[in-house]
Amino acid sequence: MKLLKSSLLGSAAALAAVGAAHAADLPVKKAVPIEFVRVCSAYGAGFFYIPGTDTCLRLSGRARFEYGYQAPLGRGQGNGDYSGTRGLARINLDARTQTGYGTLRAFIRIEAASRTGIPTVHSGTQIRIGNAFPGTGIDQFGRVEQYFNTDKAFVQFAGLTAGRASSFFDFYAHDFEFVAGTSGSDVYSTNLLAYTATVGNGLSATISMEDPSFRRSPIYSPTSALAATVGSTSTAIFGQSNSLIPVVLGVNAAGVPTGFGFTDGIQRNRMPDFVGALRYDQPWGSAQISAAVHELNTGNVISQGGFLGVNSAGAALTAVNAVAPRTQSEYGWAVQGGLKVNAPFIAPGDAFYLQGAYAEGAQMYTGNGSYNGSYAINPTSIQGASFNQNFSDATINPFTNQLQLSTSFSVVGSFLHYWAPEWRSAVFASYGENTFGAGARAAQGAYFGFVPGATGANPGSTAISTLGVGTPGTRFYALNGNLRDTYMLYAGANLIWSPVKDLDIGVEGIYAQYGVQNGRVLDTQKFNYSAAYVNAGNPVKTISSTDVFQARFRVQRDF
């Protein structure tokens, strides 16, 4: 037994020695080095190196809840919501790399939201430019929106900015506001190509080529009114598009129009808007002067279904003998000046803004439609409005077939004050006016005067209610709100509590008044008056302005 035990132990030792020798001959597998995320301090807090690159990245975002309350002016045609809510998500990606030409930057911001209710946080503007999608169904249509927007996606390199970014024309872009309704330019997402030259000592100059689609208000078209007055042929024509604008094609020896055609009033993209800005930044604040050129380019005189009437020779109008001058392109323009003053002498973080703008044929550069909504002739954010406040860059004169540009101006002021590090509030106010070209309204009315029954000259006519402007000299023309020069007054204040860093809990109240610059207009919220009814001397309700109040509550976390 003792001999057997010694033999087994010796064999085990030998096998262990052989195994150790073979293991020593095998290659050793090295552990893969772990690359930890490194902090990038070159561009401020929050940046880190993307592993394996020399590019620094910052990921940030926002979550927001809002509740808004605004009593509607009317409860007809689907209007009548008193309140609405919104839940919004935002993701930011900021990537920067140092190169021999300076910093190469790419920035992306994606926003998505779900919102309800007309008009509090509902946005007709976002629907019109395709960012928001209305719900379907009897109760939800247009009042429940799902919203998705590529808010920012641009590259910056050696002074160049290319992509989707805020317009370089803008200065105070509702920086201190919730509802963002003060008059003033605020195109926070447009497609552009710009170059900025840094002159030195805080002075910079920018020239920017920007997409005109995001600065466009429709050319005024009274086609819906005409459709009901000149027979079934025109009804079919105008039923196809609300952009067909009537124009006189022939007159007889007495100068009376004898035939009517139609102009395609849809604006075309031919040249971009050109924006120039001169900016000065110092520790005390900032100042900027900006200017823009905006082209208005429409279609030709067209015939869809045939011309109406005869020419001066008595021949039926055709595409050959119905001659009208082509609508010539016009160039609108805008100028703006803005000043921001930091006011730490009142409290740390305090600041003033003051800004003014003037435009001709480019109303969105003055931003008087910020609260009512943009990109439409008759904005509907003020539901149940008592009269149509027209926002049109121009009208087409039906006798000359040429554009008559509108003018507008706005002034806005805002002040932010910190009561304590965790409490702050802002007050803001603005005033703006929209004015149509001289004689533009009278020309539209005179044109309709040549169409039998169109303005209610015939006591039995009920063809037009408030869609046209009426015949000059009639009671309906004097009281009609269409193409009237209007103004917009806006004021508000908010209070925000930030109990911890990057958390805001606040409330804002606003007051808006819009009205006609002169006279009174029919209160269509009370009754949809026809021209015949008004011209017959029947009693009517009239107003000169409309008042709106809104309160909004917000909870927001940035990270």
Protein backbone atom coordinates (compact mmCIF):
# COMPACT_ATOMS: atom_id res chain seq x y z
CA MET A 1 0.00 0.00 0.00
CA LYS A 2 2.79 2.36 0.90
CA LEU A 3 4.46 1.66 -2.47
CA LEU A 4 1.16 2.23 -4.40
CA LYS A 5 0.53 5.50 -2.62
CA SER A 6 4.01 6.76 -3.47
CA SER A 7 3.57 5.78 -7.13
CA LEU A 8 0.21 7.69 -7.45
CA LEU A 9 1.58 10.83 -5.88
CA GLY A 10 4.61 10.74 -8.12
CA SER A 11 2.44 10.33 -11.25
CA ALA A 12 0.22 13.29 -10.27
CA ALA A 13 3.25 15.50 -9.72
CA ALA A 14 4.66 14.52 -13.09
CA LEU A 15 1.36 15.27 -14.88
CA ALA A 16 1.13 18.66 -13.18
CA ALA A 17 4.66 19.52 -14.25
CA VAL A 18 3.94 18.53 -17.87
CA GLY A 19 0.71 20.61 -17.87
CA ALA A 20 2.54 23.63 -16.52
CA ALA A 21 5.18 23.33 -19.19
CA HIS A 22 2.58 23.15 -21.99
CA ALA A 23 0.69 26.17 -20.57
CA ALA A 24 3.86 28.20 -20.57
CA ASP A 25 4.22 27.54 -24.29
CA LEU A 26 0.70 29.02 -25.10
CA PRO A 27 0.39 32.73 -26.17
CA VAL A 28 -0.90 35.04 -23.46
CA LYS A 29 -4.15 36.92 -24.41
CA LYS A 30 -3.89 40.57 -23.34
CA ALA A 31 -6.92 42.38 -21.92
CA VAL A 32 -8.49 44.99 -24.22
CA PRO A 33 -7.73 48.43 -22.82
CA ILE A 34 -10.79 50.27 -21.59
CA GLU A 35 -11.23 53.78 -23.09
CA PHE A 36 -13.05 55.92 -20.60
CA VAL A 37 -15.12 58.92 -21.69
CA ARG A 38 -12.97 61.99 -21.23
CA VAL A 39 -14.20 65.44 -20.32
CA CYS A 40 -13.67 68.11 -22.99
CA SER A 41 -13.14 71.48 -21.34
CA ALA A 42 -12.37 73.47 -24.49
CA TYR A 43 -16.00 74.49 -25.19
CA GLY A 44 -17.54 74.81 -21.75
CA ALA A 45 -19.40 72.54 -19.37
CA GLY A 46 -21.07 69.36 -20.53
CA PHE A 47 -18.81 68.46 -23.45
CA PHE A 48 -17.00 65.12 -23.69
CA TYR A 49 -14.81 63.48 -26.31
CA ILE A 50 -16.54 60.98 -28.55
CA PRO A 51 -14.42 57.83 -27.91
CA GLY A 52 -11.80 57.29 -30.57
CA THR A 53 -12.10 60.83 -32.00
CA ASP A 54 -11.00 64.36 -31.29
CA THR A 55 -14.59 65.64 -31.56
CA CYS A 56 -16.30 67.02 -28.48
CA LEU A 57 -20.03 66.40 -28.03
CA ARG A 58 -22.64 67.87 -25.72
CA LEU A 59 -26.02 66.19 -25.29
CA SER A 60 -28.79 68.29 -23.77
CA GLY A 61 -32.54 68.59 -23.90
CA ARG A 62 -35.80 69.86 -22.47
CA ALA A 63 -39.09 68.53 -21.14
CA ARG A 64 -42.03 70.93 -20.81
CA PHE A 65 -45.67 70.92 -19.76
CA GLU A 66 -48.00 73.85 -20.47
CA TYR A 67 -51.61 74.66 -19.69
CA GLY A 68 -53.34 77.62 -21.30
CA TYR A 69 -56.72 79.25 -20.69
CA GLN A 70 -58.40 81.73 -23.03
CA ALA A 71 -62.13 82.40 -23.34
CA PRO A 72 -63.23 82.06 -26.99
CA LEU A 73 -64.89 84.94 -28.79
CA GLY A 74 -67.38 82.55 -30.39
CA ARG A 75 -68.50 78.93 -30.15
CA GLY A 76 -69.46 78.28 -33.76
CA GLN A 77 -67.83 76.25 -36.55
CA GLY A 78 -65.83 74.02 -34.22
CA ASN A 79 -64.52 76.86 -32.07
CA GLY A 80 -65.18 77.12 -28.37
CA ASP A 81 -62.29 75.54 -26.48
CA TYR A 82 -61.44 77.43 -23.32
CA SER A 83 -58.23 75.60 -22.52
CA GLY A 84 -55.46 73.45 -23.94
CA THR A 85 -52.36 71.58 -22.89
CA ARG A 86 -48.99 70.74 -24.38
CA GLY A 87 -46.26 68.24 -23.62
CA LEU A 88 -43.00 69.01 -25.42
CA ALA A 89 -39.70 67.13 -25.80
CA ARG A 90 -36.45 68.60 -27.14
CA ILE A 91 -33.10 66.96 -27.84
CA ASN A 92 -29.93 68.94 -28.65
CA LEU A 93 -26.67 67.59 -30.08
CA ASP A 94 -23.70 69.96 -30.30
CA ALA A 95 -20.52 68.51 -31.90
CA ARG A 96 -17.31 70.56 -32.17
CA THR A 97 -13.86 69.85 -33.52
CA GLN A 98 -10.85 72.14 -33.51
CA THR A 99 -9.25 72.55 -36.96
CA GLY A 100 -6.62 74.73 -38.61
CA TYR A 101 -9.46 77.00 -39.78
CA GLY A 102 -11.03 77.31 -36.36
CA THR A 103 -13.87 75.37 -34.78
CA LEU A 104 -15.95 73.03 -36.94
CA ARG A 105 -19.41 72.78 -35.41
CA ALA A 106 -22.55 70.79 -36.17
CA PHE A 107 -25.71 71.45 -34.17
CA ILE A 108 -28.99 69.50 -34.25
CA ARG A 109 -32.20 70.21 -32.36
CA ILE A 110 -35.25 67.99 -32.69
CA GLU A 111 -38.59 68.88 -31.10
CA ALA A 112 -41.76 66.84 -30.71
CA ALA A 113 -44.97 67.74 -28.92
CA SER A 114 -48.55 66.77 -28.33
CA ARG A 115 -50.96 69.65 -27.83
CA THR A 116 -54.67 70.31 -27.69
CA GLY A 117 -57.13 73.16 -27.67
CA ILE A 118 -57.89 76.13 -29.88
CA PRO A 119 -56.49 78.71 -29.50
CA THR A 120 -54.32 78.53 -26.38
CA VAL A 121 -51.42 76.28 -27.38
CA HIS A 122 -52.84 75.16 -30.72
CA SER A 123 -50.83 76.47 -33.66
CA GLY A 124 -52.34 77.05 -37.07
CA THR A 125 -48.96 78.34 -38.18
CA GLN A 126 -47.26 75.02 -37.49
CA ILE A 127 -49.97 73.14 -39.38
CA ARG A 128 -49.58 75.43 -42.39
CA ILE A 129 -45.82 74.87 -42.63
CA GLY A 130 -46.17 71.12 -42.09
CA ASN A 131 -44.68 70.74 -38.61
CA ALA A 132 -47.92 69.72 -36.91
CA PHE A 133 -50.50 67.15 -37.90
CA PRO A 134 -54.14 67.58 -36.86
CA GLY A 135 -56.13 64.80 -35.27
CA THR A 136 -59.07 63.26 -37.08
CA GLY A 137 -62.58 62.64 -35.90
CA ILE A 138 -65.49 64.86 -35.03
CA ASP A 139 -64.13 66.07 -31.71
CA GLN A 140 -60.39 66.02 -32.41
CA PHE A 141 -59.99 67.48 -35.90
CA GLY A 142 -57.69 70.48 -35.78
CA ARG A 143 -57.87 70.59 -31.98
CA VAL A 144 -55.45 67.75 -31.23
CA GLU A 145 -52.02 68.12 -32.82
CA GLN A 146 -48.99 65.92 -32.99
CA TYR A 147 -45.94 68.04 -33.68
CA PHE A 148 -42.50 67.15 -35.02
CA ASN A 149 -39.93 69.65 -36.16
CA THR A 150 -36.32 69.70 -37.26
CA ASP A 151 -35.84 72.96 -35.43
CA LYS A 152 -32.08 73.22 -36.01
CA ALA A 153 -29.65 71.32 -38.22
CA PHE A 154 -26.69 73.45 -39.29
CA VAL A 155 -22.94 73.38 -39.84
CA GLN A 156 -20.63 76.25 -38.86
CA PHE A 157 -17.10 76.50 -40.24
CA ALA A 158 -14.75 79.44 -40.77
CA GLY A 159 -17.56 82.00 -40.56
CA LEU A 160 -19.96 79.93 -42.68
CA THR A 161 -23.39 78.82 -41.39
CA ALA A 162 -25.29 76.36 -43.57
CA GLY A 163 -28.49 74.46 -42.79
CA ARG A 164 -31.63 75.05 -40.75
CA ALA A 165 -31.24 77.81 -38.18
CA SER A 166 -32.78 80.99 -36.83
CA SER A 167 -32.97 83.89 -39.26
CA PHE A 168 -30.07 86.32 -38.99
CA PHE A 169 -32.57 89.17 -39.36
CA ASP A 170 -33.99 88.48 -35.89
CA PHE A 171 -32.81 90.10 -32.68
CA TYR A 172 -35.34 90.04 -29.82
CA ALA A 173 -37.11 86.81 -30.69
CA HIS A 174 -39.57 86.61 -27.78
CA ASP A 175 -36.66 85.74 -25.50
CA PHE A 176 -38.51 86.49 -22.23
CA GLU A 177 -42.01 85.24 -23.18
CA PHE A 178 -44.13 82.07 -22.95
CA VAL A 179 -46.87 82.77 -25.50
CA ALA A 180 -44.47 84.66 -27.81
CA GLY A 181 -47.09 87.01 -29.17
CA THR A 182 -45.44 90.43 -29.21
CA SER A 183 -44.96 92.00 -32.62
CA GLY A 184 -41.50 91.33 -33.94
CA SER A 185 -39.68 89.00 -36.26
CA ASP A 186 -39.14 85.49 -34.87
CA VAL A 187 -38.41 82.91 -37.59
CA TYR A 188 -36.60 80.40 -35.42
CA SER A 189 -36.38 77.73 -38.15
CA THR A 190 -35.50 78.53 -41.75
CA ASN A 191 -33.11 77.12 -44.33
CA LEU A 192 -30.16 79.41 -44.97
CA LEU A 193 -26.59 79.86 -46.12
CA ALA A 194 -24.76 82.70 -44.38
CA TYR A 195 -21.30 84.11 -43.83
CA THR A 196 -20.32 86.08 -40.72
CA ALA A 197 -17.19 88.19 -40.63
CA THR A 198 -15.79 89.10 -37.22
CA VAL A 199 -14.48 92.64 -37.54
CA GLY A 200 -13.12 92.82 -34.00
CA ASN A 201 -13.91 94.45 -30.67
CA GLY A 202 -17.32 92.74 -30.61
CA LEU A 203 -18.38 93.89 -34.08
CA SER A 204 -19.55 91.36 -36.67
CA ALA A 205 -21.27 91.52 -40.06
CA THR A 206 -23.42 88.81 -41.66
CA ILE A 207 -24.82 88.30 -45.14
CA SER A 208 -27.41 85.52 -45.33
CA MET A 209 -29.32 83.81 -48.15
CA GLU A 210 -32.59 82.55 -46.62
CA ASP A 211 -35.56 80.53 -47.86
CA PRO A 212 -38.45 82.91 -48.75
CA SER A 213 -41.06 80.24 -48.03
CA PHE A 214 -40.79 80.95 -44.30
CA ARG A 215 -41.32 84.71 -44.76
CA ARG A 216 -44.35 84.69 -47.03
CA SER A 217 -47.87 86.00 -46.56
CA PRO A 218 -50.39 85.22 -49.34
CA ILE A 219 -51.36 87.70 -52.03
CA TYR A 220 -54.89 88.92 -51.31
CA SER A 221 -57.50 86.97 -53.28
CA PRO A 222 -61.24 87.70 -53.12
CA THR A 223 -62.01 84.67 -55.29
CA SER A 224 -64.37 83.02 -52.86
CA ALA A 225 -66.59 86.06 -53.10
CA LEU A 226 -66.55 86.20 -56.90
CA ALA A 227 -67.28 82.51 -57.27
CA ALA A 228 -70.90 82.93 -56.23
CA THR A 229 -71.57 85.91 -58.49
CA VAL A 230 -70.54 85.19 -62.07
CA GLY A 231 -72.17 81.87 -62.82
CA SER A 232 -71.46 78.18 -62.70
CA THR A 233 -68.38 78.39 -64.88
CA SER A 234 -66.53 80.62 -62.43
CA THR A 235 -67.77 78.58 -59.51
CA ALA A 236 -66.04 75.56 -60.99
CA ILE A 237 -62.91 77.55 -61.65
CA PHE A 238 -62.65 79.01 -58.21
CA GLY A 239 -63.60 75.73 -56.64
CA GLN A 240 -60.22 74.41 -57.72
CA SER A 241 -58.08 76.92 -55.89
CA ASN A 242 -58.42 79.96 -53.69
CA SER A 243 -55.35 81.43 -55.35
CA LEU A 244 -57.02 82.45 -58.64
CA ILE A 245 -57.39 86.22 -58.65
CA PRO A 246 -59.85 87.94 -61.04
CA VAL A 247 -58.51 90.47 -63.52
CA VAL A 248 -60.22 92.64 -66.17
CA LEU A 249 -59.34 91.48 -69.70
CA GLY A 250 -61.28 93.92 -71.86
CA VAL A 251 -63.24 97.17 -71.73
CA ASN A 252 -65.70 98.76 -74.13
CA ALA A 253 -65.57 102.27 -75.55
CA ALA A 254 -67.08 103.63 -72.35
CA GLY A 255 -64.34 102.04 -70.30
CA VAL A 256 -66.63 99.44 -68.77
CA PRO A 257 -65.09 95.96 -68.40
CA THR A 258 -66.60 93.41 -70.75
CA GLY A 259 -64.66 90.30 -69.84
CA PHE A 260 -62.92 88.72 -66.90
CA GLY A 261 -60.04 86.28 -66.57
CA PHE A 262 -58.00 84.91 -63.71
CA THR A 263 -54.47 85.33 -62.42
CA ASP A 264 -52.62 82.51 -60.71
CA GLY A 265 -51.75 84.25 -57.44
CA ILE A 266 -49.62 81.48 -55.94
CA GLN A 267 -46.16 82.86 -55.20
CA ARG A 268 -43.12 81.15 -56.73
CA ASN A 269 -39.63 80.66 -55.37
CA ARG A 270 -37.27 82.31 -57.80
CA MET A 271 -34.71 84.03 -55.64
CA PRO A 272 -33.99 83.69 -51.92
CA ASP A 273 -34.42 86.43 -49.38
CA PHE A 274 -31.16 88.27 -48.82
CA VAL A 275 -30.55 89.38 -45.24
CA GLY A 276 -27.76 91.58 -43.95
CA ALA A 277 -27.00 92.23 -40.28
CA LEU A 278 -24.47 94.34 -38.42
CA ARG A 279 -24.10 93.33 -34.77
CA TYR A 280 -22.16 94.76 -31.83
CA ASP A 281 -21.64 92.74 -28.61
CA GLN A 282 -20.12 94.12 -25.44
CA PRO A 283 -20.32 93.35 -21.71
CA TRP A 284 -22.98 96.06 -21.40
CA GLY A 285 -25.22 94.36 -23.99
CA SER A 286 -25.78 94.13 -27.74
CA ALA A 287 -27.03 96.18 -30.68
CA GLN A 288 -28.03 95.09 -34.17
CA ILE A 289 -29.16 96.64 -37.44
CA SER A 290 -30.59 94.25 -40.04
CA ALA A 291 -32.19 94.54 -43.47
CA ALA A 292 -33.83 92.14 -45.92
CA VAL A 293 -35.03 91.94 -49.53
CA HIS A 294 -38.02 89.69 -50.30
CA GLU A 295 -39.31 88.93 -53.82
CA LEU A 296 -43.03 88.61 -54.63
CA ASN A 297 -43.37 86.48 -57.76
CA THR A 298 -46.79 85.23 -58.92
CA GLY A 299 -48.08 83.24 -61.92
CA ASN A 300 -49.58 84.36 -65.21
CA VAL A 301 -53.10 85.12 -66.43
CA ILE A 302 -54.64 81.72 -67.02
CA SER A 303 -57.87 80.14 -68.22
CA GLN A 304 -59.25 77.09 -66.48
CA GLY A 305 -62.55 76.31 -68.15
CA GLY A 306 -62.71 79.38 -70.43
CA PHE A 307 -62.77 83.16 -70.18
CA LEU A 308 -65.90 85.12 -69.37
CA GLY A 309 -67.41 87.85 -71.54
CA VAL A 310 -66.29 89.53 -74.76
CA ASN A 311 -63.49 91.90 -75.70
CA SER A 312 -63.91 95.47 -76.95
CA ALA A 313 -64.49 94.19 -80.50
CA GLY A 314 -67.38 92.07 -79.32
CA ALA A 315 -65.56 88.78 -79.86
CA ALA A 316 -65.79 86.09 -77.20
CA LEU A 317 -62.71 86.06 -75.04
CA THR A 318 -60.23 83.28 -75.70
CA ALA A 319 -56.66 82.56 -74.69
CA VAL A 320 -55.61 84.36 -77.89
CA ASN A 321 -57.58 87.62 -77.80
CA ALA A 322 -57.89 87.99 -74.02
CA VAL A 323 -54.75 90.03 -73.45
CA ALA A 324 -53.81 91.35 -70.04
CA PRO A 325 -50.46 92.60 -68.81
CA ARG A 326 -48.41 90.01 -66.96
CA THR A 327 -48.13 90.55 -63.22
CA GLN A 328 -44.63 91.91 -62.74
CA SER A 329 -42.53 90.71 -59.84
CA GLU A 330 -42.01 93.17 -57.03
CA TYR A 331 -39.37 93.35 -54.32
CA GLY A 332 -40.40 93.86 -50.75
CA TRP A 333 -37.93 94.99 -48.13
CA ALA A 334 -37.56 95.39 -44.39
CA VAL A 335 -35.27 97.11 -41.90
CA GLN A 336 -34.92 96.58 -38.17
CA GLY A 337 -32.95 97.99 -35.28
CA GLY A 338 -32.57 96.39 -31.87
CA LEU A 339 -30.85 97.15 -28.59
CA LYS A 340 -30.24 94.96 -25.53
CA VAL A 341 -28.87 96.46 -22.32
CA ASN A 342 -27.68 94.28 -19.46
CA ALA A 343 -28.70 95.80 -16.14
CA PRO A 344 -26.69 94.21 -13.31
CA PHE A 345 -26.86 97.59 -11.56
CA ILE A 346 -30.53 96.72 -10.85
CA ALA A 347 -29.98 93.00 -10.12
CA PRO A 348 -27.68 90.31 -11.53
CA GLY A 349 -29.22 88.90 -14.72
CA ASP A 350 -31.52 91.85 -15.44
CA ALA A 351 -31.80 93.04 -19.06
CA PHE A 352 -33.78 95.41 -21.33
CA TYR A 353 -34.75 94.90 -24.98
CA LEU A 354 -35.98 97.58 -27.38
CA GLN A 355 -36.65 96.91 -31.06
CA GLY A 356 -38.37 98.50 -34.05
CA ALA A 357 -39.00 97.30 -37.62
CA TYR A 358 -40.55 98.61 -40.86
CA ALA A 359 -41.40 96.62 -43.99
CA GLU A 360 -42.98 97.02 -47.41
CA GLY A 361 -44.28 93.88 -49.11
CA ALA A 362 -42.73 91.73 -46.36
CA GLN A 363 -45.04 91.78 -43.35
CA MET A 364 -43.54 88.79 -41.54
CA TYR A 365 -40.36 90.80 -40.99
CA THR A 366 -42.32 93.08 -38.65
CA GLY A 367 -44.10 90.14 -36.99
CA ASN A 368 -47.50 91.71 -36.34
CA GLY A 369 -49.07 88.29 -36.89
CA SER A 370 -47.04 86.57 -34.17
CA TYR A 371 -50.04 86.02 -31.92
CA ASN A 372 -52.76 85.63 -34.53
CA GLY A 373 -50.67 83.25 -36.62
CA SER A 374 -48.73 83.56 -39.87
CA TYR A 375 -48.68 82.19 -43.42
CA ALA A 376 -52.41 82.86 -43.95
CA ILE A 377 -54.53 85.80 -45.08
CA ASN A 378 -56.95 85.43 -42.19
CA PRO A 379 -55.20 83.94 -39.15
CA THR A 380 -57.51 81.99 -36.87
CA SER A 381 -55.62 81.74 -33.59
CA ILE A 382 -58.14 84.17 -32.13
CA GLN A 383 -61.11 81.86 -32.58
CA GLY A 384 -64.47 83.38 -33.32
CA ALA A 385 -62.84 86.68 -34.29
CA SER A 386 -65.29 89.48 -34.97
CA PHE A 387 -63.70 90.54 -38.26
CA ASN A 388 -60.96 89.37 -40.59
CA GLN A 389 -57.60 90.98 -39.90
CA ASN A 390 -55.86 90.62 -43.28
CA PHE A 391 -52.14 89.79 -43.40
CA SER A 392 -51.17 90.10 -47.06
CA ASP A 393 -47.85 91.21 -48.49
CA ALA A 394 -49.69 92.65 -51.52
CA THR A 395 -52.92 92.77 -53.49
CA ILE A 396 -53.27 92.38 -57.25
CA ASN A 397 -54.99 95.38 -58.80
CA PRO A 398 -57.75 93.81 -60.96
CA PHE A 399 -57.58 96.62 -63.52
CA THR A 400 -53.80 96.82 -64.04
CA ASN A 401 -52.98 93.24 -63.00
CA GLN A 402 -50.03 94.58 -61.01
CA LEU A 403 -49.04 94.11 -57.39
CA GLN A 404 -49.70 96.81 -54.81
CA LEU A 405 -47.45 96.26 -51.80
CA SER A 406 -48.61 96.54 -48.22
CA THR A 407 -46.61 98.25 -45.47
CA SER A 408 -46.22 97.47 -41.79
CA PHE A 409 -44.22 98.49 -38.74
CA SER A 410 -43.78 97.28 -35.18
CA VAL A 411 -42.10 98.34 -31.94
CA VAL A 412 -41.51 96.06 -28.95
CA GLY A 413 -39.95 96.44 -25.51
CA SER A 414 -39.19 93.87 -22.81
CA PHE A 415 -37.59 93.85 -19.37
CA LEU A 416 -36.38 90.86 -17.32
CA HIS A 417 -35.85 91.29 -13.57
CA TYR A 418 -34.49 88.89 -10.93
CA TRP A 419 -36.22 89.46 -7.60
CA ALA A 420 -33.95 86.80 -6.09
CA PRO A 421 -31.71 84.11 -7.62
CA GLU A 422 -34.65 81.71 -7.73
CA TRP A 423 -37.39 84.26 -8.67
CA ARG A 424 -37.58 86.27 -11.87
CA SER A 425 -40.23 87.96 -13.99
CA ALA A 426 -40.56 89.79 -17.28
CA VAL A 427 -42.85 92.49 -18.63
CA PHE A 428 -43.26 93.14 -22.35
CA ALA A 429 -45.40 95.12 -24.76
CA SER A 430 -45.61 95.86 -28.48
CA TYR A 431 -47.56 97.86 -31.04
CA GLY A 432 -47.79 97.31 -34.78
CA GLU A 433 -49.78 98.38 -37.83
CA ASN A 434 -50.59 96.81 -41.21
CA THR A 435 -51.53 99.18 -44.04
CA PHE A 436 -52.55 98.27 -47.59
CA GLY A 437 -51.38 100.10 -50.70
CA ALA A 438 -53.06 103.37 -51.62
CA GLY A 439 -56.26 102.65 -53.52
CA ALA A 440 -55.87 98.87 -53.23
CA ARG A 441 -59.15 98.37 -51.37
CA ALA A 442 -61.06 100.76 -53.64
CA ALA A 443 -59.79 98.94 -56.73
CA GLN A 444 -61.03 95.61 -55.41
CA GLY A 445 -64.42 97.12 -54.65
CA ALA A 446 -64.71 98.89 -57.99
CA TYR A 447 -63.96 95.64 -59.78
CA PHE A 448 -66.81 93.87 -58.05
CA GLY A 449 -69.06 96.78 -58.93
CA PHE A 450 -68.86 95.66 -62.55
CA VAL A 451 -70.14 92.18 -61.69
CA PRO A 452 -73.96 92.20 -61.55
CA GLY A 453 -75.27 91.56 -58.06
CA ALA A 454 -71.81 91.13 -56.57
CA THR A 455 -72.03 93.92 -54.04
CA GLY A 456 -75.70 93.95 -53.27
CA ALA A 457 -76.44 96.91 -55.56
CA ASN A 458 -79.39 94.82 -56.62
CA PRO A 459 -81.60 94.84 -53.50
CA GLY A 460 -82.32 91.15 -54.01
CA SER A 461 -78.68 90.11 -54.10
CA THR A 462 -77.22 88.01 -51.32
CA ALA A 463 -74.20 86.83 -53.30
CA ILE A 464 -71.47 88.24 -51.09
CA SER A 465 -71.40 88.57 -47.34
CA THR A 466 -68.10 89.64 -45.83
CA LEU A 467 -65.86 87.96 -48.41
CA GLY A 468 -65.54 90.91 -50.78
CA VAL A 469 -65.00 94.56 -49.90
CA GLY A 470 -68.16 95.90 -51.52
CA THR A 471 -68.71 98.76 -53.96
CA PRO A 472 -67.06 102.05 -52.96
CA GLY A 473 -69.61 104.52 -51.71
CA THR A 474 -72.00 101.92 -50.32
CA ARG A 475 -72.72 101.28 -46.66
CA PHE A 476 -71.39 97.75 -46.98
CA TYR A 477 -68.04 99.03 -48.32
CA ALA A 478 -67.74 101.51 -45.46
CA LEU A 479 -68.39 98.86 -42.79
CA ASN A 480 -66.71 95.81 -44.31
CA GLY A 481 -63.60 94.62 -42.44
CA ASN A 482 -61.76 93.11 -45.41
CA LEU A 483 -58.60 94.91 -46.55
CA ARG A 484 -58.97 97.43 -43.76
CA ASP A 485 -55.83 98.92 -42.27
CA THR A 486 -55.40 97.38 -38.83
CA TYR A 487 -53.27 97.57 -35.70
CA MET A 488 -52.16 95.12 -33.00
CA LEU A 489 -51.52 96.02 -29.35
CA TYR A 490 -50.01 93.41 -27.04
CA ALA A 491 -48.87 93.41 -23.41
CA GLY A 492 -48.05 90.77 -20.82
CA ALA A 493 -46.04 89.69 -17.80
CA ASN A 494 -44.81 86.47 -16.24
CA LEU A 495 -43.39 85.17 -12.96
CA ILE A 496 -41.00 82.19 -12.80
CA TRP A 497 -39.77 80.20 -9.82
CA SER A 498 -36.58 78.12 -10.16
CA PRO A 499 -36.28 76.15 -6.91
CA VAL A 500 -33.33 74.19 -8.30
CA LYS A 501 -31.00 74.73 -11.23
CA ASP A 502 -32.59 74.25 -14.69
CA LEU A 503 -36.14 73.84 -13.36
CA ASP A 504 -38.70 76.56 -14.16
CA ILE A 505 -42.23 76.74 -12.80
CA GLY A 506 -44.05 79.82 -13.99
CA VAL A 507 -47.23 81.58 -15.04
CA GLU A 508 -47.85 84.26 -17.67
CA GLY A 509 -50.77 86.53 -18.47
CA ILE A 510 -51.22 88.43 -21.74
CA TYR A 511 -53.62 90.98 -23.20
CA ALA A 512 -54.04 91.47 -26.95
CA GLN A 513 -56.14 93.99 -28.83
CA TYR A 514 -56.48 94.19 -32.57
CA GLY A 515 -58.63 96.68 -34.43
CA VAL A 516 -59.08 98.92 -37.45
CA GLN A 517 -57.01 102.07 -37.70
CA ASN A 518 -60.06 104.13 -38.71
CA GLY A 519 -63.83 103.80 -38.40
CA ARG A 520 -65.84 100.74 -37.45
CA VAL A 521 -66.53 97.36 -39.06
CA LEU A 522 -69.29 94.77 -39.05
CA ASP A 523 -69.23 92.45 -36.06
CA THR A 524 -69.48 89.16 -37.94
CA GLN A 525 -69.31 87.19 -34.71
CA LYS A 526 -72.86 88.39 -34.10
CA PHE A 527 -74.17 87.83 -37.64
CA ASN A 528 -72.77 87.07 -41.11
CA TYR A 529 -74.13 90.11 -42.90
CA SER A 530 -74.81 90.17 -46.66
CA ALA A 531 -74.17 93.26 -48.73
CA ALA A 532 -77.84 93.52 -49.68
CA TYR A 533 -78.90 93.46 -46.02
CA VAL A 534 -76.42 96.16 -45.02
CA ASN A 535 -77.02 98.43 -48.03
CA ALA A 536 -80.77 98.29 -47.39
CA GLY A 537 -80.18 100.19 -44.15
CA ASN A 538 -81.02 97.38 -41.76
CA PRO A 539 -79.61 97.62 -38.20
CA VAL A 540 -76.17 96.05 -37.79
CA LYS A 541 -73.66 95.45 -34.98
CA THR A 542 -70.30 97.14 -35.45
CA ILE A 543 -66.98 97.17 -33.58
CA SER A 544 -63.65 98.93 -33.87
CA SER A 545 -61.46 96.43 -31.97
CA THR A 546 -61.39 93.06 -30.24
CA ASP A 547 -59.82 92.26 -26.85
CA VAL A 548 -58.31 88.91 -25.89
CA PHE A 549 -56.89 87.62 -22.59
CA GLN A 550 -54.86 84.46 -21.99
CA ALA A 551 -53.19 82.83 -18.99
CA ARG A 552 -50.53 80.13 -19.34
CA PHE A 553 -48.86 77.87 -16.78
CA ARG A 554 -45.54 76.10 -17.46
CA VAL A 555 -43.28 73.50 -15.87
CA GLN A 556 -39.96 73.07 -17.67
CA ARG A 557 -36.77 71.12 -17.03
CA ASP A 558 -33.60 71.69 -19.06
CA PHE A 559 -30.64 69.34 -18.87
